[in-house]
Amino acid sequence: MKEQIRQLVCQVQRYPRDTQERQQALGKLVKQILRSRKICRPSKGQPLS
């Protein structure tokens, strides 16, 4: 999973800004990050930092 995210980051960086290809690559990257469940919401009362 970590390697897939790394590859997607490299793919996004290859495309110029404001292109359809970059937007599609960013969408894939976001989906993969969300699937990895590495991002979570802090518990109630816990600071964000």
N, C-alpha and C. Protein backbone atom coordinates (compact mmCIF):
# COMPACT_ATOMS: atom_id res chain seq x y z
N MET A 1 0.83 -1.19 0.00
CA MET A 1 0.00 0.00 0.00
C MET A 1 0.88 1.25 0.00
N LYS A 2 1.89 1.28 0.83
CA LYS A 2 2.77 2.44 0.93
C LYS A 2 3.48 2.69 -0.41
N GLU A 3 3.90 1.62 -1.06
CA GLU A 3 4.58 1.73 -2.35
C GLU A 3 3.62 2.25 -3.42
N GLN A 4 2.37 1.83 -3.38
CA GLN A 4 1.38 2.31 -4.34
C GLN A 4 1.16 3.82 -4.19
N ILE A 5 1.10 4.27 -2.96
CA ILE A 5 0.92 5.70 -2.71
C ILE A 5 2.14 6.47 -3.21
N ARG A 6 3.31 5.96 -2.96
CA ARG A 6 4.54 6.60 -3.43
C ARG A 6 4.55 6.71 -4.96
N GLN A 7 4.14 5.65 -5.63
CA GLN A 7 4.09 5.67 -7.09
C GLN A 7 3.07 6.68 -7.60
N LEU A 8 1.93 6.76 -6.94
CA LEU A 8 0.92 7.73 -7.35
C LEU A 8 1.40 9.16 -7.14
N VAL A 9 2.14 9.41 -6.08
CA VAL A 9 2.70 10.75 -5.84
C VAL A 9 3.65 11.11 -6.98
N CYS A 10 4.51 10.18 -7.37
CA CYS A 10 5.44 10.42 -8.48
C CYS A 10 4.68 10.69 -9.77
N GLN A 11 3.60 9.96 -9.98
CA GLN A 11 2.79 10.14 -11.18
C GLN A 11 2.17 11.54 -11.20
N VAL A 12 1.64 11.97 -10.08
CA VAL A 12 1.05 13.31 -10.00
C VAL A 12 2.09 14.37 -10.30
N GLN A 13 3.29 14.21 -9.77
CA GLN A 13 4.34 15.20 -9.95
C GLN A 13 4.81 15.31 -11.39
N ARG A 14 4.62 14.28 -12.19
CA ARG A 14 5.05 14.30 -13.59
C ARG A 14 4.18 15.19 -14.46
N TYR A 15 2.94 15.41 -14.06
CA TYR A 15 2.01 16.18 -14.89
C TYR A 15 2.07 17.66 -14.52
N PRO A 16 1.95 18.53 -15.53
CA PRO A 16 1.89 19.97 -15.25
C PRO A 16 0.62 20.31 -14.48
N ARG A 17 0.68 21.40 -13.75
CA ARG A 17 -0.49 21.87 -13.00
C ARG A 17 -1.64 22.19 -13.95
N ASP A 18 -2.82 22.13 -13.42
CA ASP A 18 -4.04 22.49 -14.16
C ASP A 18 -4.26 21.67 -15.42
N THR A 19 -3.88 20.39 -15.38
CA THR A 19 -4.17 19.52 -16.51
C THR A 19 -5.13 18.43 -16.05
N GLN A 20 -5.87 17.89 -17.01
CA GLN A 20 -6.83 16.83 -16.72
C GLN A 20 -6.11 15.59 -16.17
N GLU A 21 -4.94 15.30 -16.72
CA GLU A 21 -4.18 14.12 -16.28
C GLU A 21 -3.77 14.23 -14.82
N ARG A 22 -3.34 15.43 -14.43
CA ARG A 22 -2.94 15.64 -13.03
C ARG A 22 -4.14 15.50 -12.10
N GLN A 23 -5.29 16.04 -12.51
CA GLN A 23 -6.49 15.94 -11.70
C GLN A 23 -6.91 14.48 -11.51
N GLN A 24 -6.82 13.70 -12.57
CA GLN A 24 -7.16 12.28 -12.47
C GLN A 24 -6.18 11.54 -11.56
N ALA A 25 -4.89 11.86 -11.70
CA ALA A 25 -3.88 11.22 -10.85
C ALA A 25 -4.09 11.61 -9.39
N LEU A 26 -4.43 12.87 -9.14
CA LEU A 26 -4.71 13.32 -7.77
C LEU A 26 -5.92 12.58 -7.19
N GLY A 27 -6.92 12.38 -8.00
CA GLY A 27 -8.10 11.64 -7.55
C GLY A 27 -7.75 10.23 -7.14
N LYS A 28 -6.93 9.57 -7.95
CA LYS A 28 -6.48 8.21 -7.62
C LYS A 28 -5.67 8.21 -6.32
N LEU A 29 -4.81 9.22 -6.17
CA LEU A 29 -3.98 9.31 -4.96
C LEU A 29 -4.86 9.48 -3.72
N VAL A 30 -5.81 10.37 -3.79
CA VAL A 30 -6.70 10.60 -2.64
C VAL A 30 -7.47 9.34 -2.28
N LYS A 31 -7.99 8.65 -3.28
CA LYS A 31 -8.74 7.40 -3.02
C LYS A 31 -7.84 6.37 -2.35
N GLN A 32 -6.61 6.26 -2.82
CA GLN A 32 -5.69 5.28 -2.24
C GLN A 32 -5.34 5.64 -0.79
N ILE A 33 -5.13 6.92 -0.52
CA ILE A 33 -4.84 7.36 0.85
C ILE A 33 -6.02 7.04 1.76
N LEU A 34 -7.23 7.34 1.30
CA LEU A 34 -8.41 7.06 2.12
C LEU A 34 -8.60 5.56 2.35
N ARG A 35 -8.30 4.76 1.33
CA ARG A 35 -8.40 3.30 1.48
C ARG A 35 -7.38 2.75 2.48
N SER A 36 -6.24 3.43 2.58
CA SER A 36 -5.19 2.94 3.47
C SER A 36 -5.54 3.14 4.94
N ARG A 37 -6.52 4.00 5.19
CA ARG A 37 -6.97 4.30 6.56
C ARG A 37 -5.86 4.87 7.43
N LYS A 38 -4.90 5.53 6.80
CA LYS A 38 -3.81 6.15 7.56
C LYS A 38 -4.24 7.52 8.10
N ILE A 39 -5.33 8.03 7.57
CA ILE A 39 -5.85 9.31 8.02
C ILE A 39 -7.03 9.03 8.93
N CYS A 40 -7.04 9.68 10.08
CA CYS A 40 -8.16 9.47 11.00
C CYS A 40 -8.51 10.78 11.68
N ARG A 41 -9.63 10.80 12.26
CA ARG A 41 -10.11 11.96 13.00
C ARG A 41 -9.71 11.79 14.46
N PRO A 42 -9.20 12.86 15.10
CA PRO A 42 -8.85 12.74 16.52
C PRO A 42 -10.09 12.50 17.38
N SER A 43 -9.89 11.89 18.51
CA SER A 43 -10.99 11.65 19.44
C SER A 43 -11.55 12.98 19.93
N LYS A 44 -12.78 12.95 20.37
CA LYS A 44 -13.42 14.17 20.87
C LYS A 44 -12.60 14.73 22.03
N GLY A 45 -12.29 16.02 21.95
CA GLY A 45 -11.52 16.67 23.00
C GLY A 45 -10.02 16.60 22.79
N GLN A 46 -9.57 15.82 21.82
CA GLN A 46 -8.13 15.70 21.55
C GLN A 46 -7.73 16.81 20.56
N PRO A 47 -6.60 17.50 20.82
CA PRO A 47 -6.18 18.57 19.90
C PRO A 47 -5.78 18.02 18.53
N LEU A 48 -5.85 18.87 17.50
CA LEU A 48 -5.52 18.45 16.14
C LEU A 48 -4.03 18.25 15.93
N SER A 49 -3.19 18.91 16.70
CA SER A 49 -1.74 18.79 16.49
C SER A 49 -1.11 17.67 17.25
